Amino acid sequence: MQIYRDLIRGDFETYIAEVQDYFRCLDEERARAFSEAREVSEDYGRFIDAIE
């Protein structure tokens, strides 16, 4: 049983680490997309101001 316990524990720890990496990646991409959207909105605002 010890062998299986250690194997299952290792697999679980790997799974949790990979899930955390995935969520970290999502958070980084969300932050990047929000930053890009803010920049585009600011550019759009300057464009509208320039043509009015």
N, C-alpha and C. Protein backbone atom coordinates (compact mmCIF):
# COMPACT_ATOMS: atom_id res chain seq x y z
N MET A 1 0.82 -1.21 0.00
CA MET A 1 0.00 0.00 0.00
C MET A 1 0.85 1.27 0.00
N GLN A 2 1.99 1.22 0.65
CA GLN A 2 2.87 2.38 0.72
C GLN A 2 3.24 2.87 -0.69
N ILE A 3 3.54 1.94 -1.59
CA ILE A 3 3.93 2.30 -2.96
C ILE A 3 2.80 3.05 -3.65
N TYR A 4 1.58 2.53 -3.51
CA TYR A 4 0.44 3.17 -4.16
C TYR A 4 0.13 4.53 -3.54
N ARG A 5 0.26 4.60 -2.22
CA ARG A 5 0.01 5.87 -1.54
C ARG A 5 0.97 6.94 -2.06
N ASP A 6 2.23 6.61 -2.15
CA ASP A 6 3.23 7.58 -2.62
C ASP A 6 2.99 7.94 -4.09
N LEU A 7 2.61 6.96 -4.90
CA LEU A 7 2.33 7.21 -6.31
C LEU A 7 1.12 8.14 -6.47
N ILE A 8 0.06 7.84 -5.74
CA ILE A 8 -1.15 8.67 -5.82
C ILE A 8 -0.88 10.06 -5.28
N ARG A 9 -0.13 10.16 -4.19
CA ARG A 9 0.22 11.48 -3.63
C ARG A 9 1.01 12.29 -4.65
N GLY A 10 1.98 11.66 -5.29
CA GLY A 10 2.78 12.36 -6.30
C GLY A 10 1.94 12.84 -7.47
N ASP A 11 1.05 11.97 -7.94
CA ASP A 11 0.16 12.36 -9.04
C ASP A 11 -0.74 13.53 -8.64
N PHE A 12 -1.26 13.47 -7.42
CA PHE A 12 -2.15 14.54 -6.95
C PHE A 12 -1.40 15.86 -6.84
N GLU A 13 -0.20 15.81 -6.28
CA GLU A 13 0.59 17.04 -6.14
C GLU A 13 0.95 17.62 -7.50
N THR A 14 1.25 16.77 -8.47
CA THR A 14 1.51 17.24 -9.83
C THR A 14 0.27 17.88 -10.42
N TYR A 15 -0.87 17.24 -10.23
CA TYR A 15 -2.15 17.78 -10.73
C TYR A 15 -2.42 19.17 -10.15
N ILE A 16 -2.28 19.30 -8.83
CA ILE A 16 -2.54 20.59 -8.18
C ILE A 16 -1.57 21.65 -8.69
N ALA A 17 -0.31 21.32 -8.84
CA ALA A 17 0.68 22.28 -9.34
C ALA A 17 0.33 22.73 -10.75
N GLU A 18 -0.11 21.79 -11.59
CA GLU A 18 -0.47 22.15 -12.96
C GLU A 18 -1.74 22.99 -13.01
N VAL A 19 -2.71 22.71 -12.15
CA VAL A 19 -3.92 23.53 -12.08
C VAL A 19 -3.56 24.94 -11.65
N GLN A 20 -2.68 25.07 -10.66
CA GLN A 20 -2.26 26.40 -10.21
C GLN A 20 -1.55 27.15 -11.33
N ASP A 21 -0.70 26.47 -12.08
CA ASP A 21 -0.02 27.10 -13.21
C ASP A 21 -1.03 27.59 -14.25
N TYR A 22 -2.04 26.76 -14.51
CA TYR A 22 -3.08 27.12 -15.48
C TYR A 22 -3.83 28.37 -15.04
N PHE A 23 -4.25 28.40 -13.78
CA PHE A 23 -4.98 29.58 -13.28
C PHE A 23 -4.09 30.82 -13.27
N ARG A 24 -2.81 30.64 -12.95
CA ARG A 24 -1.87 31.77 -12.99
C ARG A 24 -1.77 32.31 -14.41
N CYS A 25 -1.72 31.42 -15.38
CA CYS A 25 -1.66 31.82 -16.79
C CYS A 25 -2.93 32.59 -17.17
N LEU A 26 -4.08 32.08 -16.76
CA LEU A 26 -5.34 32.77 -17.05
C LEU A 26 -5.35 34.17 -16.43
N ASP A 27 -4.89 34.28 -15.19
CA ASP A 27 -4.86 35.58 -14.52
C ASP A 27 -3.94 36.56 -15.26
N GLU A 28 -2.79 36.07 -15.70
CA GLU A 28 -1.86 36.93 -16.43
C GLU A 28 -2.47 37.38 -17.76
N GLU A 29 -3.14 36.48 -18.45
CA GLU A 29 -3.76 36.83 -19.73
C GLU A 29 -4.91 37.80 -19.52
N ARG A 30 -5.69 37.60 -18.47
CA ARG A 30 -6.79 38.52 -18.18
C ARG A 30 -6.25 39.92 -17.92
N ALA A 31 -5.19 40.02 -17.14
CA ALA A 31 -4.58 41.32 -16.84
C ALA A 31 -4.06 41.96 -18.12
N ARG A 32 -3.43 41.17 -18.98
CA ARG A 32 -2.91 41.71 -20.25
C ARG A 32 -4.04 42.21 -21.13
N ALA A 33 -5.13 41.43 -21.21
CA ALA A 33 -6.27 41.81 -22.05
C ALA A 33 -6.93 43.08 -21.52
N PHE A 34 -7.08 43.21 -20.20
CA PHE A 34 -7.66 44.42 -19.64
C PHE A 34 -6.78 45.63 -19.94
N SER A 35 -5.48 45.45 -19.82
CA SER A 35 -4.56 46.55 -20.12
C SER A 35 -4.67 46.97 -21.58
N GLU A 36 -4.72 45.99 -22.46
CA GLU A 36 -4.86 46.28 -23.89
C GLU A 36 -6.19 46.98 -24.17
N ALA A 37 -7.26 46.52 -23.56
CA ALA A 37 -8.58 47.14 -23.76
C ALA A 37 -8.58 48.58 -23.27
N ARG A 38 -7.91 48.83 -22.14
CA ARG A 38 -7.82 50.20 -21.63
C ARG A 38 -7.06 51.09 -22.61
N GLU A 39 -5.96 50.58 -23.15
CA GLU A 39 -5.18 51.36 -24.11
C GLU A 39 -6.00 51.65 -25.37
N VAL A 40 -6.70 50.66 -25.87
CA VAL A 40 -7.53 50.84 -27.06
C VAL A 40 -8.63 51.85 -26.79
N SER A 41 -9.24 51.76 -25.62
CA SER A 41 -10.30 52.72 -25.26
C SER A 41 -9.76 54.14 -25.19
N GLU A 42 -8.57 54.29 -24.62
CA GLU A 42 -7.95 55.62 -24.55
C GLU A 42 -7.64 56.14 -25.95
N ASP A 43 -7.11 55.27 -26.80
CA ASP A 43 -6.83 55.67 -28.19
C ASP A 43 -8.12 56.08 -28.90
N TYR A 44 -9.17 55.32 -28.70
CA TYR A 44 -10.45 55.62 -29.31
C TYR A 44 -10.98 56.97 -28.81
N GLY A 45 -10.85 57.21 -27.52
CA GLY A 45 -11.28 58.49 -26.96
C GLY A 45 -10.53 59.65 -27.57
N ARG A 46 -9.22 59.50 -27.75
CA ARG A 46 -8.42 60.57 -28.38
C ARG A 46 -8.84 60.75 -29.84
N PHE A 47 -9.13 59.66 -30.53
CA PHE A 47 -9.58 59.74 -31.92
C PHE A 47 -10.90 60.52 -32.00
N ILE A 48 -11.84 60.16 -31.15
CA ILE A 48 -13.15 60.85 -31.16
C ILE A 48 -12.98 62.33 -30.85
N ASP A 49 -12.14 62.65 -29.87
CA ASP A 49 -11.88 64.05 -29.53
C ASP A 49 -11.27 64.79 -30.72
N ALA A 50 -10.41 64.13 -31.47
CA ALA A 50 -9.73 64.78 -32.59
C ALA A 50 -10.67 65.06 -33.76
N ILE A 51 -11.69 64.23 -33.95
CA ILE A 51 -12.57 64.44 -35.10
C ILE A 51 -13.79 65.30 -34.77
N GLU A 52 -13.96 65.63 -33.53
CA GLU A 52 -15.12 66.46 -33.17
C GLU A 52 -14.79 67.92 -33.21
